[in-house]
N, C-alpha and C. Protein backbone atom coordinates (compact mmCIF):
# COMPACT_ATOMS: atom_id res chain seq x y z
N MET A 1 -33.38 1.02 35.27
CA MET A 1 -32.18 0.75 35.44
C MET A 1 -31.27 0.82 34.29
N ALA A 2 -32.01 -0.16 33.13
CA ALA A 2 -31.54 -0.25 32.02
C ALA A 2 -31.71 1.09 30.88
N ALA A 3 -32.78 1.88 31.26
CA ALA A 3 -33.00 2.68 30.67
C ALA A 3 -32.11 3.90 31.01
N ALA A 4 -31.85 4.18 32.11
CA ALA A 4 -31.29 5.31 32.78
C ALA A 4 -29.60 5.01 31.86
N LEU A 5 -29.29 3.60 32.07
CA LEU A 5 -27.96 3.40 31.28
C LEU A 5 -27.90 3.65 29.90
N ALA A 6 -29.02 3.65 29.06
CA ALA A 6 -29.00 3.70 27.77
C ALA A 6 -29.28 5.58 27.57
N LEU A 7 -29.72 6.15 28.39
CA LEU A 7 -29.61 7.37 28.21
C LEU A 7 -28.16 8.05 28.77
N LEU A 8 -27.72 7.34 29.65
CA LEU A 8 -26.22 8.11 29.86
C LEU A 8 -25.50 7.70 28.67
N VAL A 9 -25.48 6.60 28.16
CA VAL A 9 -24.42 5.96 27.01
C VAL A 9 -24.74 7.14 25.50
N ALA A 10 -25.91 7.25 25.50
CA ALA A 10 -26.96 8.13 24.25
C ALA A 10 -26.09 9.16 24.42
N GLY A 11 -26.21 9.96 25.55
CA GLY A 11 -25.74 11.54 25.74
C GLY A 11 -24.24 11.70 25.52
N CYS A 12 -23.37 10.50 25.76
CA CYS A 12 -22.12 10.40 25.84
C CYS A 12 -21.40 10.54 24.33
N SER A 13 -22.44 9.82 23.59
CA SER A 13 -21.77 9.84 22.26
C SER A 13 -21.83 11.11 21.23
N GLU A 14 -22.76 12.08 21.92
CA GLU A 14 -22.83 13.09 20.87
C GLU A 14 -21.69 14.12 21.24
N ILE A 15 -20.83 14.11 22.43
CA ILE A 15 -19.95 15.04 22.77
C ILE A 15 -18.81 14.91 21.97
N GLY A 16 -18.48 13.91 21.43
CA GLY A 16 -17.24 14.29 20.59
C GLY A 16 -17.04 14.35 18.71
N PHE A 17 -18.24 14.29 18.56
CA PHE A 17 -18.72 14.61 17.19
C PHE A 17 -19.12 15.87 16.82
N PRO A 18 -18.92 16.56 15.78
CA PRO A 18 -19.38 17.65 15.14
C PRO A 18 -20.89 17.46 14.59
N ALA A 19 -21.21 18.53 14.68
CA ALA A 19 -22.68 18.34 13.60
C ALA A 19 -22.45 18.32 12.16
N VAL A 20 -23.30 17.63 11.40
CA VAL A 20 -23.13 17.20 10.05
C VAL A 20 -22.77 18.40 9.25
N HIS A 21 -23.48 19.41 9.39
CA HIS A 21 -23.70 20.50 8.61
C HIS A 21 -22.88 21.89 9.15
N ASP A 22 -21.90 21.38 9.85
CA ASP A 22 -21.17 22.71 10.37
C ASP A 22 -20.02 22.59 9.63
N MET A 23 -19.89 23.93 8.77
CA MET A 23 -18.96 24.14 7.90
C MET A 23 -17.89 24.98 8.26
N PRO A 24 -16.66 25.15 8.16
CA PRO A 24 -15.91 26.18 8.84
C PRO A 24 -16.02 27.46 7.84
N ALA A 25 -15.90 28.45 8.49
CA ALA A 25 -15.72 29.93 7.82
C ALA A 25 -15.03 29.99 6.69
N PRO A 26 -15.19 30.66 5.54
CA PRO A 26 -14.54 30.81 4.59
C PRO A 26 -12.83 31.35 5.03
N ARG A 27 -12.19 31.24 4.20
CA ARG A 27 -10.62 31.83 4.25
C ARG A 27 -10.72 32.80 3.89
N ALA A 28 -10.14 34.11 5.00
CA ALA A 28 -9.73 35.14 4.99
C ALA A 28 -8.71 35.54 3.77
N ASP A 29 -7.81 34.92 3.58
CA ASP A 29 -6.40 35.00 3.03
C ASP A 29 -6.89 34.24 1.44
N THR A 30 -6.35 34.92 0.53
CA THR A 30 -6.19 34.05 -0.94
C THR A 30 -4.99 33.32 -1.20
N PRO A 31 -5.09 32.02 -1.68
CA PRO A 31 -3.99 31.32 -1.98
C PRO A 31 -2.87 32.09 -2.65
N LEU A 32 -1.52 31.42 -2.65
CA LEU A 32 -0.51 32.39 -3.09
C LEU A 32 -0.75 32.02 -4.88
N THR A 33 -0.26 32.97 -5.74
CA THR A 33 -0.33 32.74 -6.84
C THR A 33 1.20 31.83 -7.23
N PRO A 34 1.01 31.19 -8.72
CA PRO A 34 2.29 30.43 -9.00
C PRO A 34 3.67 31.38 -8.64
N ASP A 35 3.63 32.73 -9.17
CA ASP A 35 5.04 33.60 -9.23
C ASP A 35 5.07 33.75 -7.68
N GLN A 36 4.23 34.09 -6.77
CA GLN A 36 4.48 33.98 -5.32
C GLN A 36 5.00 32.70 -4.58
N VAL A 37 4.67 31.63 -5.40
CA VAL A 37 4.86 30.43 -5.04
C VAL A 37 6.78 30.47 -5.40
N LYS A 38 6.85 30.58 -6.47
CA LYS A 38 8.22 30.26 -7.02
C LYS A 38 9.18 31.34 -6.31
N GLN A 39 8.84 32.56 -6.11
CA GLN A 39 9.54 33.64 -5.14
C GLN A 39 9.79 33.11 -3.96
N ALA A 40 9.04 32.21 -3.22
CA ALA A 40 9.24 31.94 -1.91
C ALA A 40 9.92 30.73 -1.98
N THR A 41 9.96 30.02 -2.77
CA THR A 41 10.75 28.70 -2.82
C THR A 41 11.85 29.27 -3.20
N ASP A 42 12.60 30.06 -3.95
CA ASP A 42 13.47 30.72 -4.33
C ASP A 42 14.40 31.37 -3.46
N ASP A 43 13.41 32.05 -2.23
CA ASP A 43 13.96 32.63 -1.17
C ASP A 43 14.59 31.83 -0.17
N LEU A 44 13.73 30.70 -0.13
CA LEU A 44 14.14 29.56 0.89
C LEU A 44 15.37 28.63 0.61
N ILE A 45 15.48 28.51 -0.91
CA ILE A 45 16.60 27.98 -1.26
C ILE A 45 17.96 28.79 -1.09
N SER A 46 17.67 30.11 -1.55
CA SER A 46 18.45 30.99 -1.24
C SER A 46 19.32 31.27 0.22
N GLN A 47 18.26 30.92 1.19
CA GLN A 47 18.31 31.07 2.72
C GLN A 47 19.23 29.46 3.05
N ARG A 48 18.85 28.74 2.43
CA ARG A 48 19.66 27.19 2.97
C ARG A 48 20.83 27.14 2.27
N ASP A 49 21.13 27.83 1.23
CA ASP A 49 22.39 27.82 0.67
C ASP A 49 23.67 28.74 1.35
N HIS A 50 22.98 29.57 2.01
CA HIS A 50 23.97 30.47 2.71
C HIS A 50 24.11 29.91 4.14
N GLN A 51 23.18 28.95 4.78
CA GLN A 51 23.37 28.40 5.96
C GLN A 51 25.01 27.86 6.32
N PRO A 52 25.50 28.17 7.23
CA PRO A 52 26.88 27.11 7.56
C PRO A 52 26.44 25.65 7.73
N GLN A 53 27.35 24.98 7.18
CA GLN A 53 27.23 23.32 7.26
C GLN A 53 27.29 23.06 8.71
N PRO A 54 26.63 22.16 9.14
CA PRO A 54 26.50 21.66 10.45
C PRO A 54 28.02 20.96 10.60
N VAL A 55 28.57 20.76 12.00
CA VAL A 55 29.86 19.97 12.04
C VAL A 55 29.00 18.49 12.68
N SER A 56 29.32 17.31 11.85
CA SER A 56 28.87 16.19 12.61
C SER A 56 29.76 15.98 13.45
N ALA A 57 28.99 15.00 14.43
CA ALA A 57 30.43 14.43 15.54
C ALA A 57 31.21 13.37 14.95
N THR A 58 31.04 12.62 13.77
CA THR A 58 32.05 11.98 13.44
C THR A 58 33.21 12.52 12.73
N ALA A 59 33.04 13.83 12.33
CA ALA A 59 34.16 14.59 11.86
C ALA A 59 35.13 14.74 12.53
N SER A 60 35.09 14.89 14.07
CA SER A 60 36.37 15.19 14.74
C SER A 60 36.87 14.14 15.25
N VAL A 61 36.28 12.93 14.95
CA VAL A 61 37.05 11.65 15.30
C VAL A 61 37.83 10.97 14.23
N PRO A 62 38.99 10.58 14.47
CA PRO A 62 39.65 10.38 13.33
C PRO A 62 39.33 8.68 12.80
N ALA A 63 39.53 8.60 11.56
CA ALA A 63 39.24 7.02 11.33
C ALA A 63 40.27 6.13 11.83
N PRO A 64 39.92 4.99 12.16
CA PRO A 64 40.96 3.82 12.51
C PRO A 64 41.82 3.39 11.19
N ALA A 65 42.86 3.19 11.84
CA ALA A 65 43.89 2.65 10.64
C ALA A 65 43.62 1.35 10.29
N PRO A 66 43.74 1.24 9.03
CA PRO A 66 43.43 -0.03 8.51
C PRO A 66 44.55 -1.18 9.11
N GLN A 67 43.67 -2.58 9.74
CA GLN A 67 44.68 -3.39 10.11
C GLN A 67 45.00 -4.14 8.81
N GLN A 68 46.40 -4.56 9.05
CA GLN A 68 47.28 -5.57 8.00
C GLN A 68 46.67 -7.10 8.33
N ALA A 69 46.47 -7.72 7.11
CA ALA A 69 45.96 -8.91 7.02
C ALA A 69 47.16 -9.75 7.87
N SER A 70 46.75 -11.01 8.71
CA SER A 70 47.73 -11.71 9.07
C SER A 70 48.13 -12.87 8.18
N LEU A 71 49.01 -13.14 8.24
CA LEU A 71 49.60 -14.14 7.43
C LEU A 71 49.40 -15.86 7.96
N GLN A 72 49.06 -15.74 9.31
CA GLN A 72 48.97 -16.96 9.93
C GLN A 72 47.53 -17.60 9.92
N ARG A 73 47.25 -18.78 9.64
CA ARG A 73 46.14 -19.20 9.46
C ARG A 73 45.36 -19.77 10.70
N THR A 74 44.32 -19.21 11.02
CA THR A 74 43.30 -19.69 12.40
C THR A 74 43.28 -21.24 12.26
N ALA A 75 43.36 -21.92 13.43
CA ALA A 75 43.25 -23.04 13.40
C ALA A 75 41.55 -23.40 13.73
N VAL A 76 41.21 -24.54 12.78
CA VAL A 76 39.96 -24.87 12.71
C VAL A 76 39.61 -26.05 13.49
N PRO A 77 38.82 -26.18 14.49
CA PRO A 77 38.66 -27.23 15.57
C PRO A 77 38.24 -28.40 14.57
N SER A 78 38.97 -29.46 14.89
CA SER A 78 38.34 -30.98 14.26
C SER A 78 37.43 -31.29 15.20
N PRO A 79 36.56 -32.05 14.52
CA PRO A 79 35.48 -32.65 15.59
C PRO A 79 36.04 -33.72 16.86
N GLN A 80 37.31 -34.04 16.43
CA GLN A 80 37.90 -34.83 17.72
C GLN A 80 38.31 -33.95 18.93
N THR A 81 38.57 -32.80 18.38
CA THR A 81 38.94 -31.84 19.79
C THR A 81 38.19 -31.17 20.14
N THR A 82 37.03 -30.84 19.80
CA THR A 82 35.72 -30.05 20.09
C THR A 82 34.67 -31.28 21.26
N GLY A 83 35.14 -32.59 21.10
CA GLY A 83 34.47 -33.51 22.28
C GLY A 83 33.12 -33.78 21.49
N THR A 84 32.75 -33.61 20.37
CA THR A 84 31.41 -34.00 19.92
C THR A 84 31.72 -35.43 19.22
N VAL A 85 30.65 -36.15 19.45
CA VAL A 85 30.75 -37.44 18.81
C VAL A 85 29.91 -37.35 17.68
N GLY A 86 30.09 -37.97 16.61
CA GLY A 86 29.67 -38.20 15.37
C GLY A 86 28.58 -39.43 15.39
N ARG A 87 27.53 -39.27 14.73
CA ARG A 87 26.42 -40.15 14.73
C ARG A 87 26.50 -40.88 13.24
N GLN A 88 26.19 -42.29 13.14
CA GLN A 88 26.21 -43.12 12.52
C GLN A 88 24.86 -43.59 12.01
């Protein structure tokens, strides 16, 4: 029973891992030259600059009017009015 379990576990461990010496095939395409990279970057920047600006959701909502400061002072509750008892 233990031997059968060991064989099952050993067989499962090889499924998810590639062989050590499996190497990918060489690339068919050559990397871009620095001039090609600069040209592609310039093209992308040009396309980005010609895109219409997105309309944000907050642009259509008007800003709230500023509130005027109240000249009345707010009452600060004293310990006697809050019902708390001071400890000595």
